[in-house]
Amino acid sequence: MSNEFRICDKCKATNVESLTKKLKEIDNNASIIIGCQNLCGIGRTKSFAIVNHIPVIAENEDKLVEEIKKKVK
């Protein structure tokens, strides 16, 4: 079973290009779905991704990537 990452391309705290690159480094075979994730309030100020259907939130992208590494299978 492969990992699934969902990231928002509308939220101001997310740099889709750099985050996508980092997610591919974590798991090159993962499914990466880009689009609104309905977490707009959080996404204004914090980086987030939904990892295997579980939201992961951090103060910035680097901390987010660290947290995601802990969650992946």
N, C-alpha and C. Protein backbone atom coordinates (compact mmCIF):
# COMPACT_ATOMS: atom_id res chain seq x y z
N MET A 1 0.84 -1.18 0.00
CA MET A 1 0.00 0.00 0.00
C MET A 1 0.88 1.24 0.00
N SER A 2 0.62 2.16 -0.90
CA SER A 2 1.46 3.35 -1.00
C SER A 2 0.86 4.51 -0.21
N ASN A 3 1.69 5.49 0.06
CA ASN A 3 1.26 6.67 0.80
C ASN A 3 0.50 7.62 -0.10
N GLU A 4 -0.35 8.43 0.53
CA GLU A 4 -1.09 9.46 -0.18
C GLU A 4 -0.87 10.79 0.53
N PHE A 5 -0.44 11.78 -0.24
CA PHE A 5 -0.25 13.13 0.28
C PHE A 5 -1.24 14.06 -0.41
N ARG A 6 -1.95 14.87 0.37
CA ARG A 6 -2.85 15.86 -0.18
C ARG A 6 -2.38 17.23 0.28
N ILE A 7 -2.17 18.14 -0.67
CA ILE A 7 -1.73 19.49 -0.33
C ILE A 7 -2.59 20.51 -1.07
N CYS A 8 -2.66 21.70 -0.51
CA CYS A 8 -3.51 22.75 -1.06
C CYS A 8 -2.69 23.70 -1.91
N ASP A 9 -3.23 24.06 -3.06
CA ASP A 9 -2.57 25.02 -3.93
C ASP A 9 -3.16 26.42 -3.77
N LYS A 10 -4.05 26.61 -2.82
CA LYS A 10 -4.69 27.92 -2.59
C LYS A 10 -4.18 28.60 -1.32
N CYS A 11 -3.79 27.83 -0.33
CA CYS A 11 -3.38 28.38 0.97
C CYS A 11 -2.06 29.14 0.86
N LYS A 12 -2.00 30.26 1.54
CA LYS A 12 -0.83 31.14 1.46
C LYS A 12 0.41 30.58 2.16
N ALA A 13 0.23 29.69 3.12
CA ALA A 13 1.37 29.16 3.86
C ALA A 13 2.01 27.96 3.18
N THR A 14 1.50 27.59 2.01
CA THR A 14 2.01 26.41 1.31
C THR A 14 2.68 26.80 0.00
N ASN A 15 3.91 26.37 -0.16
CA ASN A 15 4.60 26.51 -1.44
C ASN A 15 4.51 25.15 -2.12
N VAL A 16 3.56 25.02 -3.01
CA VAL A 16 3.25 23.73 -3.63
C VAL A 16 4.47 23.13 -4.33
N GLU A 17 5.22 23.93 -5.04
CA GLU A 17 6.36 23.42 -5.80
C GLU A 17 7.42 22.81 -4.90
N SER A 18 7.83 23.55 -3.86
CA SER A 18 8.89 23.02 -2.99
C SER A 18 8.38 21.87 -2.13
N LEU A 19 7.14 21.96 -1.66
CA LEU A 19 6.61 20.88 -0.83
C LEU A 19 6.44 19.60 -1.65
N THR A 20 5.98 19.71 -2.87
CA THR A 20 5.84 18.53 -3.73
C THR A 20 7.18 17.85 -3.93
N LYS A 21 8.22 18.64 -4.16
CA LYS A 21 9.56 18.08 -4.35
C LYS A 21 10.01 17.32 -3.09
N LYS A 22 9.77 17.89 -1.93
CA LYS A 22 10.17 17.25 -0.68
C LYS A 22 9.36 15.99 -0.41
N LEU A 23 8.08 16.02 -0.76
CA LEU A 23 7.25 14.82 -0.58
C LEU A 23 7.71 13.68 -1.47
N LYS A 24 8.14 14.01 -2.68
CA LYS A 24 8.65 12.98 -3.59
C LYS A 24 9.95 12.39 -3.06
N GLU A 25 10.73 13.20 -2.35
CA GLU A 25 11.96 12.68 -1.74
C GLU A 25 11.63 11.71 -0.61
N ILE A 26 10.54 11.96 0.10
CA ILE A 26 10.12 11.06 1.18
C ILE A 26 9.63 9.75 0.60
N ASP A 27 8.76 9.83 -0.42
CA ASP A 27 8.20 8.62 -1.04
C ASP A 27 7.91 8.92 -2.51
N ASN A 28 8.80 8.49 -3.37
CA ASN A 28 8.68 8.76 -4.79
C ASN A 28 7.47 8.07 -5.43
N ASN A 29 6.96 7.02 -4.80
CA ASN A 29 5.83 6.29 -5.35
C ASN A 29 4.48 6.74 -4.78
N ALA A 30 4.50 7.71 -3.89
CA ALA A 30 3.26 8.17 -3.26
C ALA A 30 2.38 8.90 -4.24
N SER A 31 1.10 8.87 -3.96
CA SER A 31 0.13 9.65 -4.71
C SER A 31 0.11 11.05 -4.10
N ILE A 32 0.29 12.09 -4.93
CA ILE A 32 0.26 13.47 -4.45
C ILE A 32 -0.92 14.15 -5.12
N ILE A 33 -1.89 14.54 -4.32
CA ILE A 33 -3.10 15.18 -4.82
C ILE A 33 -3.06 16.65 -4.43
N ILE A 34 -3.16 17.52 -5.42
CA ILE A 34 -3.07 18.95 -5.19
C ILE A 34 -4.42 19.59 -5.47
N GLY A 35 -4.91 20.35 -4.51
CA GLY A 35 -6.19 21.03 -4.63
C GLY A 35 -6.65 21.47 -3.26
N CYS A 36 -7.76 22.19 -3.21
CA CYS A 36 -8.29 22.67 -1.93
C CYS A 36 -8.57 21.48 -1.02
N GLN A 37 -8.12 21.60 0.23
CA GLN A 37 -8.33 20.53 1.22
C GLN A 37 -9.30 20.98 2.32
N ASN A 38 -9.92 22.13 2.15
CA ASN A 38 -10.91 22.66 3.10
C ASN A 38 -10.34 22.89 4.49
N LEU A 39 -9.09 23.30 4.56
CA LEU A 39 -8.46 23.69 5.83
C LEU A 39 -7.95 25.12 5.72
N CYS A 40 -8.78 25.98 5.16
CA CYS A 40 -8.38 27.35 4.82
C CYS A 40 -7.92 28.16 6.03
N GLY A 41 -8.57 28.01 7.16
CA GLY A 41 -8.18 28.76 8.35
C GLY A 41 -6.77 28.42 8.79
N ILE A 42 -6.45 27.17 8.81
CA ILE A 42 -5.12 26.71 9.19
C ILE A 42 -4.10 27.12 8.12
N GLY A 43 -4.48 26.95 6.87
CA GLY A 43 -3.57 27.18 5.75
C GLY A 43 -3.14 28.62 5.55
N ARG A 44 -3.79 29.55 6.22
CA ARG A 44 -3.37 30.96 6.11
C ARG A 44 -2.05 31.20 6.82
N THR A 45 -1.82 30.48 7.90
CA THR A 45 -0.65 30.78 8.73
C THR A 45 0.28 29.60 8.97
N LYS A 46 -0.18 28.39 8.71
CA LYS A 46 0.64 27.21 8.99
C LYS A 46 0.69 26.30 7.79
N SER A 47 1.79 25.57 7.68
CA SER A 47 1.93 24.58 6.62
C SER A 47 1.21 23.31 7.04
N PHE A 48 0.54 22.68 6.09
CA PHE A 48 -0.13 21.43 6.40
C PHE A 48 -0.17 20.54 5.17
N ALA A 49 -0.36 19.28 5.44
CA ALA A 49 -0.62 18.29 4.40
C ALA A 49 -1.49 17.21 5.04
N ILE A 50 -2.23 16.54 4.22
CA ILE A 50 -3.01 15.41 4.70
C ILE A 50 -2.26 14.16 4.25
N VAL A 51 -1.83 13.38 5.22
CA VAL A 51 -1.01 12.21 4.97
C VAL A 51 -1.82 10.96 5.30
N ASN A 52 -2.12 10.20 4.28
CA ASN A 52 -2.92 8.98 4.47
C ASN A 52 -4.19 9.28 5.27
N HIS A 53 -4.86 10.37 4.89
CA HIS A 53 -6.14 10.80 5.45
C HIS A 53 -6.05 11.42 6.84
N ILE A 54 -4.84 11.73 7.30
CA ILE A 54 -4.65 12.35 8.60
C ILE A 54 -3.97 13.70 8.41
N PRO A 55 -4.58 14.81 8.89
CA PRO A 55 -3.94 16.12 8.76
C PRO A 55 -2.66 16.21 9.59
N VAL A 56 -1.62 16.76 8.99
CA VAL A 56 -0.36 17.02 9.68
C VAL A 56 -0.11 18.51 9.53
N ILE A 57 0.07 19.21 10.66
CA ILE A 57 0.18 20.66 10.67
C ILE A 57 1.47 21.05 11.39
N ALA A 58 2.16 22.07 10.85
CA ALA A 58 3.39 22.55 11.48
C ALA A 58 3.55 24.05 11.23
N GLU A 59 4.45 24.65 11.96
CA GLU A 59 4.68 26.09 11.86
C GLU A 59 5.26 26.50 10.51
N ASN A 60 6.06 25.62 9.90
CA ASN A 60 6.66 25.95 8.60
C ASN A 60 6.88 24.66 7.81
N GLU A 61 7.31 24.82 6.59
CA GLU A 61 7.44 23.67 5.69
C GLU A 61 8.48 22.67 6.16
N ASP A 62 9.60 23.14 6.68
CA ASP A 62 10.65 22.21 7.14
C ASP A 62 10.16 21.35 8.30
N LYS A 63 9.46 21.98 9.25
CA LYS A 63 8.91 21.21 10.38
C LYS A 63 7.82 20.27 9.91
N LEU A 64 7.06 20.70 8.91
CA LEU A 64 6.02 19.84 8.35
C LEU A 64 6.63 18.58 7.76
N VAL A 65 7.69 18.74 7.01
CA VAL A 65 8.36 17.58 6.39
C VAL A 65 8.88 16.63 7.46
N GLU A 66 9.42 17.17 8.54
CA GLU A 66 9.88 16.31 9.65
C GLU A 66 8.72 15.49 10.22
N GLU A 67 7.57 16.14 10.42
CA GLU A 67 6.41 15.44 10.96
C GLU A 67 5.87 14.40 9.99
N ILE A 68 5.88 14.72 8.71
CA ILE A 68 5.40 13.78 7.70
C ILE A 68 6.27 12.52 7.68
N LYS A 69 7.57 12.70 7.81
CA LYS A 69 8.48 11.54 7.81
C LYS A 69 8.12 10.58 8.93
N LYS A 70 7.64 11.10 10.06
CA LYS A 70 7.25 10.25 11.19
C LYS A 70 5.96 9.47 10.90
N LYS A 71 5.13 9.99 10.00
CA LYS A 71 3.81 9.41 9.76
C LYS A 71 3.74 8.41 8.61
N VAL A 72 4.71 8.46 7.71
CA VAL A 72 4.61 7.62 6.52
C VAL A 72 4.88 6.16 6.83
N LYS A 73 4.33 5.33 5.98
CA LYS A 73 4.46 3.88 6.15
C LYS A 73 5.75 3.37 5.56
